[in-house]
Amino acid sequence: MTPILYTFFCEYDGGTYLSQAHASDQHSALMNWAGRFAPEQMPRDVSAEIARSAFEVPDANEEDITPIHGLVGVWCWTTLVDDELAHLTIVQSS
């Protein structure tokens, strides 16, 4: 099976950070993204905390990565870092 390309739009504290990862499904894509997520524009401790939160998403809990109603191949995931919401939109790109 050919891995699927996913595009990530991470919004945190007024900034938007874009990246991509390959995986077989949206949960694996989130894990791959979290394993290498370290945008240069974002403070390192913040990106590390967002990645740590992503690694806590259980594989069996599909409700943590929410499909966007009315769209195909688009999900969202959120976490709190220092009382600020980090919002991640995951888009199946290929």
C-alpha atoms as a PDB file:
ATOM      1  CA  MET A   1       0.000   0.000   0.000  1.00  0.00           C
ATOM      2  CA  THR A   2       1.394   3.402  -1.008  1.00  0.00           C
ATOM      3  CA  PRO A   3       1.516   5.892   1.879  1.00  0.00           C
ATOM      4  CA  ILE A   4      -0.881   8.827   1.622  1.00  0.00           C
ATOM      5  CA  LEU A   5       0.376  12.392   1.820  1.00  0.00           C
ATOM      6  CA  TYR A   6      -1.262  14.495   4.538  1.00  0.00           C
ATOM      7  CA  THR A   7      -0.919  18.266   4.931  1.00  0.00           C
ATOM      8  CA  PHE A   8      -1.058  19.790   8.420  1.00  0.00           C
ATOM      9  CA  PHE A   9      -2.154  23.314   9.292  1.00  0.00           C
ATOM     10  CA  CYS A  10      -1.221  24.016  12.906  1.00  0.00           C
ATOM     11  CA  GLU A  11      -2.648  27.232  14.360  1.00  0.00           C
ATOM     12  CA  TYR A  12      -1.287  28.439  17.682  1.00  0.00           C
ATOM     13  CA  ASP A  13      -1.051  31.835  19.375  1.00  0.00           C
ATOM     14  CA  GLY A  14      -1.787  33.806  16.200  1.00  0.00           C
ATOM     15  CA  GLY A  15       0.591  31.811  13.976  1.00  0.00           C
ATOM     16  CA  THR A  16      -0.081  29.201  11.305  1.00  0.00           C
ATOM     17  CA  TYR A  17       2.522  26.480  10.702  1.00  0.00           C
ATOM     18  CA  LEU A  18       2.332  24.168   7.683  1.00  0.00           C
ATOM     19  CA  SER A  19       3.965  20.786   7.192  1.00  0.00           C
ATOM     20  CA  GLN A  20       3.369  17.406   5.560  1.00  0.00           C
ATOM     21  CA  ALA A  21       3.779  13.730   6.424  1.00  0.00           C
ATOM     22  CA  HIS A  22       3.142  10.391   4.718  1.00  0.00           C
ATOM     23  CA  ALA A  23       1.156   7.618   6.411  1.00  0.00           C
ATOM     24  CA  SER A  24      -1.442   4.930   5.856  1.00  0.00           C
ATOM     25  CA  ASP A  25      -4.205   6.751   7.796  1.00  0.00           C
ATOM     26  CA  GLN A  26      -4.883  10.007   9.635  1.00  0.00           C
ATOM     27  CA  HIS A  27      -3.836   8.651  13.052  1.00  0.00           C
ATOM     28  CA  SER A  28      -0.503   7.363  11.735  1.00  0.00           C
ATOM     29  CA  ALA A  29      -0.056  10.673   9.932  1.00  0.00           C
ATOM     30  CA  LEU A  30      -0.545  12.525  13.223  1.00  0.00           C
ATOM     31  CA  MET A  31       2.087  10.302  14.877  1.00  0.00           C
ATOM     32  CA  ASN A  32       4.539  10.843  11.992  1.00  0.00           C
ATOM     33  CA  TRP A  33       3.907  14.578  12.081  1.00  0.00           C
ATOM     34  CA  ALA A  34       4.387  14.746  15.857  1.00  0.00           C
ATOM     35  CA  GLY A  35       7.648  12.826  15.577  1.00  0.00           C
ATOM     36  CA  ARG A  36       9.210  15.547  13.471  1.00  0.00           C
ATOM     37  CA  PHE A  37       7.164  18.642  14.309  1.00  0.00           C
ATOM     38  CA  ALA A  38       9.530  21.491  15.244  1.00  0.00           C
ATOM     39  CA  PRO A  39       8.736  24.625  13.267  1.00  0.00           C
ATOM     40  CA  GLU A  40      11.542  27.155  13.465  1.00  0.00           C
ATOM     41  CA  GLN A  41       9.122  30.055  14.019  1.00  0.00           C
ATOM     42  CA  MET A  42       7.517  28.454  17.091  1.00  0.00           C
ATOM     43  CA  PRO A  43       9.263  28.304  20.479  1.00  0.00           C
ATOM     44  CA  ARG A  44      10.828  24.864  20.901  1.00  0.00           C
ATOM     45  CA  ASP A  45       9.084  24.158  24.211  1.00  0.00           C
ATOM     46  CA  VAL A  46       5.698  24.896  22.603  1.00  0.00           C
ATOM     47  CA  SER A  47       6.275  22.626  19.587  1.00  0.00           C
ATOM     48  CA  ALA A  48       7.542  19.888  21.930  1.00  0.00           C
ATOM     49  CA  GLU A  49       4.397  20.187  24.059  1.00  0.00           C
ATOM     50  CA  ILE A  50       2.105  20.015  21.013  1.00  0.00           C
ATOM     51  CA  ALA A  51       3.995  16.935  19.771  1.00  0.00           C
ATOM     52  CA  ARG A  52       3.817  15.306  23.231  1.00  0.00           C
ATOM     53  CA  SER A  53       0.047  15.843  23.306  1.00  0.00           C
ATOM     54  CA  ALA A  54      -0.292  14.312  19.840  1.00  0.00           C
ATOM     55  CA  PHE A  55       1.581  11.183  20.951  1.00  0.00           C
ATOM     56  CA  GLU A  56      -1.025  10.723  23.691  1.00  0.00           C
ATOM     57  CA  VAL A  57      -3.849  10.278  21.145  1.00  0.00           C
ATOM     58  CA  PRO A  58      -4.844   6.620  21.443  1.00  0.00           C
ATOM     59  CA  ASP A  59      -5.028   4.650  18.205  1.00  0.00           C
ATOM     60  CA  ALA A  60      -8.381   3.140  19.150  1.00  0.00           C
ATOM     61  CA  ASN A  61     -10.026   6.479  19.989  1.00  0.00           C
ATOM     62  CA  GLU A  62     -11.189   7.840  16.655  1.00  0.00           C
ATOM     63  CA  GLU A  63     -12.994  10.692  18.444  1.00  0.00           C
ATOM     64  CA  ASP A  64      -9.714  12.476  19.257  1.00  0.00           C
ATOM     65  CA  ILE A  65      -9.136  13.135  15.545  1.00  0.00           C
ATOM     66  CA  THR A  66     -12.462  14.542  14.402  1.00  0.00           C
ATOM     67  CA  PRO A  67     -13.683  14.311  10.801  1.00  0.00           C
ATOM     68  CA  ILE A  68     -14.943  17.646   9.478  1.00  0.00           C
ATOM     69  CA  HIS A  69     -18.644  17.317   8.675  1.00  0.00           C
ATOM     70  CA  GLY A  70     -19.425  17.719   4.986  1.00  0.00           C
ATOM     71  CA  LEU A  71     -15.815  17.300   3.796  1.00  0.00           C
ATOM     72  CA  VAL A  72     -13.917  14.248   2.593  1.00  0.00           C
ATOM     73  CA  GLY A  73     -10.377  13.597   3.829  1.00  0.00           C
ATOM     74  CA  VAL A  74     -10.274  16.440   6.381  1.00  0.00           C
ATOM     75  CA  TRP A  75      -9.944  16.078  10.164  1.00  0.00           C
ATOM     76  CA  CYS A  76      -9.113  18.320  13.096  1.00  0.00           C
ATOM     77  CA  TRP A  77      -7.371  17.815  16.411  1.00  0.00           C
ATOM     78  CA  THR A  78      -6.879  20.260  19.275  1.00  0.00           C
ATOM     79  CA  THR A  79      -4.834  20.520  22.452  1.00  0.00           C
ATOM     80  CA  LEU A  80      -4.065  23.156  25.066  1.00  0.00           C
ATOM     81  CA  VAL A  81      -0.545  24.498  25.581  1.00  0.00           C
ATOM     82  CA  ASP A  82      -0.003  27.148  28.265  1.00  0.00           C
ATOM     83  CA  ASP A  83      -3.768  27.824  28.288  1.00  0.00           C
ATOM     84  CA  GLU A  84      -3.691  28.540  24.533  1.00  0.00           C
ATOM     85  CA  LEU A  85      -5.574  26.377  22.045  1.00  0.00           C
ATOM     86  CA  ALA A  86      -3.464  24.636  19.414  1.00  0.00           C
ATOM     87  CA  HIS A  87      -5.669  23.637  16.467  1.00  0.00           C
ATOM     88  CA  LEU A  88      -4.459  21.176  13.866  1.00  0.00           C
ATOM     89  CA  THR A  89      -6.270  20.628  10.580  1.00  0.00           C
ATOM     90  CA  ILE A  90      -5.251  17.431   8.779  1.00  0.00           C
ATOM     91  CA  VAL A  91      -5.952  17.227   5.041  1.00  0.00           C
ATOM     92  CA  GLN A  92      -5.488  14.114   2.918  1.00  0.00           C
ATOM     93  CA  SER A  93      -3.483  15.584   0.055  1.00  0.00           C
ATOM     94  CA  SER A  94      -3.022  12.573  -2.227  1.00  0.00           C
END
